Amino acid sequence: MKNDEGKEMKHFRIFAVIFGLLMGTDSAFAVKFANQFVEFDLPTAWNCFLEGTEWVCQNQQDAAKKKEAIIILAAKIQGDQDTLDQYLNYLKAPKTFTSAQGKSLTSTVSYAQNKSINDRMWVDSLHMESEVPGFYTRYIATVTDGIGILVTYSVNKGKYQEYTPMFEEMVKSLKAFRKDGGLNAAPANSDLFKNAKIPSGVTGDTVFGSVQGANEEAPKPNESGLDALMKDPILFYGGLGALALIILSILKKRKK
């Protein structure tokens, strides 16, 4: 009897570990995206397409989620202004822009710092309302092989905590390089950060919809996947239901 109980407890622990891993993962990563200057893990349902000299990545299977977040990838030939120190100084200061509705907005800087990602130094910064009204934008920039590279992650402020684990996984997998031939890069005399603007065709209420969570607290970058899932009732209670079924199945086997 004790051996049976031990086996049941072992099975329960295995199921608990699997469930815990699912609870800590915001999105499944099934594709490794790569172009001429970056590579990173792309979540399931997301796709990237070329828009001019910039790449745009969004959820292509869920129209609602497509309005919640967007990634822009940009590169330019290195000029005098393309150094990590200059990128850092630029991102330490608030940015001012005019929205699609003609409103002037000045961003709030959450942080700006140097960050090592896959043995390369990048500048990492988070602003509120620097690209789209009501959206946080995270900037990851570096210089390599004569080009400046910028990746921006913009997300509706009401969805920030939900997307944080997914963005963190993408950042962890980010690699920079320069492939020969066919490089989609802006000229040396251009501005990398202006080049990475979200294309006009995917900005404004017609695409992003209304801003959610207007009173949400400041972001917490280290929030766990569990915290994020607790904010999504469907995923949270669905997970609890699955765990309950597993426990009931074990108890039924124990009674036989």
Protein backbone atom coordinates (compact mmCIF):
# COMPACT_ATOMS: atom_id res chain seq x y z
CA MET A 1 0.00 0.00 0.00
CA LYS A 2 2.83 2.33 0.91
CA ASN A 3 4.54 1.60 -2.41
CA ASP A 4 1.32 2.49 -4.26
CA GLU A 5 1.04 5.73 -2.31
CA GLY A 6 4.66 6.50 -3.10
CA LYS A 7 4.08 5.97 -6.82
CA GLU A 8 0.98 8.15 -6.72
CA MET A 9 2.89 10.91 -4.96
CA LYS A 10 5.69 10.64 -7.51
CA HIS A 11 3.19 10.94 -10.37
CA PHE A 12 1.56 13.90 -8.68
CA ARG A 13 4.91 15.66 -8.35
CA ILE A 14 5.67 15.07 -12.02
CA PHE A 15 2.33 16.51 -13.02
CA ALA A 16 2.86 19.44 -10.67
CA VAL A 17 6.25 20.20 -12.23
CA ILE A 18 4.78 20.08 -15.75
CA PHE A 19 1.92 22.34 -14.70
CA GLY A 20 4.36 24.71 -13.02
CA LEU A 21 6.39 24.97 -16.20
CA LEU A 22 3.24 25.74 -18.17
CA MET A 23 2.24 28.38 -15.63
CA GLY A 24 5.67 30.02 -15.94
CA THR A 25 5.57 30.23 -19.72
CA ASP A 26 3.57 32.98 -21.34
CA SER A 27 3.85 31.71 -24.89
CA ALA A 28 5.26 28.76 -26.80
CA PHE A 29 8.27 29.44 -29.01
CA ALA A 30 8.29 27.30 -32.12
CA VAL A 31 10.16 29.34 -34.74
CA LYS A 32 13.61 30.94 -34.85
CA PHE A 33 13.33 34.09 -36.93
CA ALA A 34 16.44 35.42 -38.68
CA ASN A 35 17.12 38.16 -41.21
CA GLN A 36 20.36 39.82 -42.34
CA PHE A 37 21.23 41.28 -38.94
CA VAL A 38 19.35 39.61 -36.04
CA GLU A 39 18.09 36.23 -34.89
CA PHE A 40 15.69 35.40 -32.06
CA ASP A 41 13.00 32.94 -30.98
CA LEU A 42 9.59 33.96 -32.32
CA PRO A 43 6.39 32.94 -30.49
CA THR A 44 3.85 30.67 -32.08
CA ALA A 45 1.29 32.61 -34.15
CA TRP A 46 3.72 35.51 -34.69
CA ASN A 47 5.22 36.41 -38.05
CA CYS A 48 7.59 39.09 -39.38
CA PHE A 49 7.40 40.94 -42.68
CA LEU A 50 9.51 43.59 -44.38
CA GLU A 51 8.09 47.13 -44.44
CA GLY A 52 10.53 49.36 -46.34
CA THR A 53 13.88 48.88 -44.61
CA GLU A 54 12.28 47.80 -41.31
CA TRP A 55 10.87 44.47 -40.22
CA VAL A 56 7.50 44.35 -38.43
CA CYS A 57 6.53 41.38 -36.21
CA GLN A 58 3.03 40.75 -34.84
CA ASN A 59 0.60 38.02 -33.91
CA GLN A 60 -0.92 37.03 -37.26
CA GLN A 61 -3.53 34.55 -36.03
CA ASP A 62 -5.45 36.57 -33.44
CA ALA A 63 -6.82 39.95 -34.52
CA ALA A 64 -7.28 41.11 -30.92
CA LYS A 65 -3.75 40.19 -29.87
CA LYS A 66 -2.35 41.79 -33.02
CA LYS A 67 -3.51 45.12 -31.59
CA GLU A 68 -1.79 44.54 -28.25
CA ALA A 69 1.89 44.30 -29.21
CA ILE A 70 4.32 44.88 -32.08
CA ILE A 71 8.05 44.41 -32.68
CA ILE A 72 10.11 46.57 -35.05
CA LEU A 73 13.57 45.57 -36.31
CA ALA A 74 15.84 48.18 -37.91
CA ALA A 75 19.45 48.45 -39.07
CA LYS A 76 21.59 51.20 -40.57
CA ILE A 77 25.13 51.64 -41.80
CA GLN A 78 27.20 52.83 -38.84
CA GLY A 79 27.75 56.58 -38.66
CA ASP A 80 29.47 58.86 -36.16
CA GLN A 81 26.38 58.83 -33.91
CA ASP A 82 26.20 55.03 -33.74
CA THR A 83 27.95 54.00 -30.53
CA LEU A 84 26.61 52.33 -27.41
CA ASP A 85 27.39 55.41 -25.30
CA GLN A 86 25.40 57.65 -27.62
CA TYR A 87 22.51 55.18 -27.74
CA LEU A 88 22.47 55.06 -23.94
CA ASN A 89 22.53 58.85 -23.56
CA TYR A 90 19.73 59.18 -26.10
CA LEU A 91 17.52 56.65 -24.30
CA LYS A 92 18.14 58.14 -20.87
CA ALA A 93 16.21 61.25 -21.94
CA PRO A 94 12.43 61.46 -22.50
CA LYS A 95 11.31 61.34 -26.14
CA THR A 96 8.74 63.69 -27.67
CA PHE A 97 6.53 62.76 -30.59
CA THR A 98 3.20 63.66 -32.19
CA SER A 99 0.54 60.97 -32.25
CA ALA A 100 -1.55 60.04 -35.27
CA GLN A 101 -4.29 62.18 -33.75
CA GLY A 102 -1.98 65.22 -33.67
CA LYS A 103 -1.35 65.17 -29.91
CA SER A 104 2.14 66.00 -28.63
CA LEU A 105 3.40 63.43 -26.11
CA THR A 106 6.57 63.16 -24.02
CA SER A 107 7.67 59.74 -22.84
CA THR A 108 8.43 58.62 -19.31
CA VAL A 109 11.73 56.74 -18.94
CA SER A 110 11.49 53.65 -16.73
CA TYR A 111 15.15 52.70 -17.14
CA ALA A 112 18.12 52.89 -19.53
CA GLN A 113 21.15 50.64 -19.06
CA ASN A 114 23.78 48.46 -20.68
CA LYS A 115 22.90 44.77 -20.88
CA SER A 116 24.90 41.72 -21.97
CA ILE A 117 22.88 39.39 -24.20
CA ASN A 118 24.54 36.27 -25.64
CA ASP A 119 28.05 37.66 -25.07
CA ARG A 120 27.30 40.95 -26.78
CA MET A 121 26.73 44.32 -25.09
CA TRP A 122 23.45 46.07 -25.87
CA VAL A 123 21.67 49.17 -24.61
CA ASP A 124 18.37 48.25 -22.98
CA SER A 125 15.70 50.87 -22.18
CA LEU A 126 11.99 51.06 -21.41
CA HIS A 127 9.82 54.13 -22.13
CA MET A 128 6.13 54.83 -21.68
CA GLU A 129 4.41 56.59 -24.63
CA SER A 130 7.52 57.12 -26.75
CA GLU A 131 6.12 55.53 -29.94
CA VAL A 132 2.37 54.92 -29.47
CA PRO A 133 -0.04 56.58 -26.98
CA GLY A 134 -0.75 54.26 -24.08
CA PHE A 135 2.00 51.80 -25.02
CA TYR A 136 5.26 50.84 -23.36
CA THR A 137 8.22 50.48 -25.73
CA ARG A 138 11.38 48.58 -24.88
CA TYR A 139 14.49 49.46 -26.91
CA ILE A 140 17.38 47.00 -27.42
CA ALA A 141 20.23 48.45 -29.51
CA THR A 142 23.79 47.52 -30.42
CA VAL A 143 26.55 48.06 -32.99
CA THR A 144 28.38 45.29 -34.85
CA ASP A 145 30.30 44.79 -38.09
CA GLY A 146 29.75 48.37 -39.24
CA ILE A 147 25.98 48.52 -38.68
CA GLY A 148 23.72 49.85 -35.93
CA ILE A 149 20.88 47.53 -34.90
CA LEU A 150 17.69 48.34 -33.01
CA VAL A 151 14.86 46.10 -31.84
CA THR A 152 11.78 47.69 -30.26
CA TYR A 153 9.03 45.87 -28.36
CA SER A 154 5.83 47.92 -27.96
CA VAL A 155 2.89 46.67 -25.88
CA ASN A 156 -0.39 48.12 -24.64
CA LYS A 157 0.13 49.25 -21.03
CA GLY A 158 -2.86 47.19 -19.91
CA LYS A 159 -1.16 44.07 -21.28
CA TYR A 160 2.41 44.79 -20.18
CA GLN A 161 2.56 42.23 -17.37
CA GLU A 162 1.03 39.56 -19.59
CA TYR A 163 3.61 40.05 -22.35
CA THR A 164 6.66 40.51 -20.11
CA PRO A 165 7.63 36.79 -19.92
CA MET A 166 7.28 36.43 -23.70
CA PHE A 167 9.40 39.51 -24.42
CA GLU A 168 12.02 38.38 -21.92
CA GLU A 169 12.39 35.05 -23.71
CA MET A 170 12.79 36.82 -27.05
CA VAL A 171 15.42 39.15 -25.62
CA LYS A 172 17.35 36.22 -24.11
CA SER A 173 17.56 34.55 -27.52
CA LEU A 174 18.55 37.73 -29.40
CA LYS A 175 21.74 37.60 -31.50
CA ALA A 176 23.25 40.29 -33.73
CA PHE A 177 25.45 39.86 -36.80
CA ARG A 178 25.85 41.04 -40.39
CA LYS A 179 25.21 38.72 -43.30
CA ASP A 180 26.73 39.47 -46.66
CA GLY A 181 24.43 40.45 -49.50
CA GLY A 182 20.93 41.91 -49.49
CA LEU A 183 21.25 43.89 -46.26
CA ASN A 184 18.13 45.97 -45.58
CA ALA A 185 19.85 48.87 -43.85
CA ALA A 186 19.31 52.62 -43.88
CA PRO A 187 22.22 54.91 -44.88
CA ALA A 188 24.88 56.11 -42.46
CA ASN A 189 23.50 59.68 -42.26
CA SER A 190 20.07 58.50 -41.05
CA ASP A 191 18.79 58.22 -37.46
CA LEU A 192 18.42 54.61 -36.24
CA PHE A 193 15.69 55.47 -33.74
CA LYS A 194 13.64 57.42 -36.24
CA ASN A 195 14.08 54.60 -38.74
CA ALA A 196 12.47 52.20 -36.27
CA LYS A 197 9.23 54.16 -36.04
CA ILE A 198 6.12 52.01 -36.25
CA PRO A 199 4.84 52.32 -39.84
CA SER A 200 1.86 54.66 -40.19
CA GLY A 201 -0.20 51.80 -41.57
CA VAL A 202 -0.11 49.98 -38.21
CA THR A 203 -0.59 52.85 -35.76
CA GLY A 204 -3.56 54.61 -34.26
CA ASP A 205 -6.91 53.41 -32.96
CA THR A 206 -7.79 51.70 -36.26
CA VAL A 207 -5.18 49.04 -35.58
CA PHE A 208 -4.23 49.11 -31.92
CA GLY A 209 -7.71 49.87 -30.58
CA SER A 210 -8.41 51.64 -27.31
CA VAL A 211 -5.76 51.69 -24.59
CA GLN A 212 -6.53 49.27 -21.79
CA GLY A 213 -5.49 49.46 -18.16
CA ALA A 214 -5.19 53.24 -17.96
CA ASN A 215 -4.65 53.06 -14.20
CA GLU A 216 -2.27 50.12 -14.18
CA GLU A 217 0.75 50.36 -11.91
CA ALA A 218 4.28 50.84 -13.25
CA PRO A 219 5.74 47.70 -14.88
CA LYS A 220 7.51 45.03 -12.88
CA PRO A 221 10.06 43.46 -15.26
CA ASN A 222 10.80 40.52 -12.97
CA GLU A 223 7.18 39.43 -12.56
CA SER A 224 6.80 35.67 -12.94
CA GLY A 225 4.75 33.82 -15.50
CA LEU A 226 2.37 32.81 -12.70
CA ASP A 227 1.63 36.44 -11.87
CA ALA A 228 0.97 37.18 -15.51
CA LEU A 229 -1.33 34.19 -15.90
CA MET A 230 -3.34 35.14 -12.81
CA LYS A 231 -4.34 38.26 -14.72
CA ASP A 232 -5.83 36.07 -17.47
CA PRO A 233 -8.87 34.26 -15.96
CA ILE A 234 -9.27 31.85 -18.87
CA LEU A 235 -5.70 30.57 -18.71
CA PHE A 236 -5.54 30.62 -14.92
CA TYR A 237 -8.78 28.75 -14.19
CA GLY A 238 -8.24 26.47 -17.15
CA GLY A 239 -4.89 25.48 -15.66
CA LEU A 240 -6.44 24.90 -12.23
CA GLY A 241 -9.15 22.78 -13.85
CA ALA A 242 -6.55 20.64 -15.61
CA LEU A 243 -4.67 20.14 -12.34
CA ALA A 244 -7.90 19.19 -10.57
CA LEU A 245 -8.65 16.53 -13.21
CA ILE A 246 -5.17 15.08 -12.75
CA ILE A 247 -5.64 14.85 -8.98
CA LEU A 248 -9.08 13.23 -9.35
CA SER A 249 -7.65 10.67 -11.77
CA ILE A 250 -4.93 9.75 -9.27
CA LEU A 251 -7.46 9.41 -6.43
CA LYS A 252 -9.71 7.15 -8.55
CA LYS A 253 -6.79 4.85 -9.36
CA ARG A 254 -5.92 4.74 -5.67
CA LYS A 255 -9.41 3.54 -4.73
CA LYS A 256 -9.33 0.63 -7.24
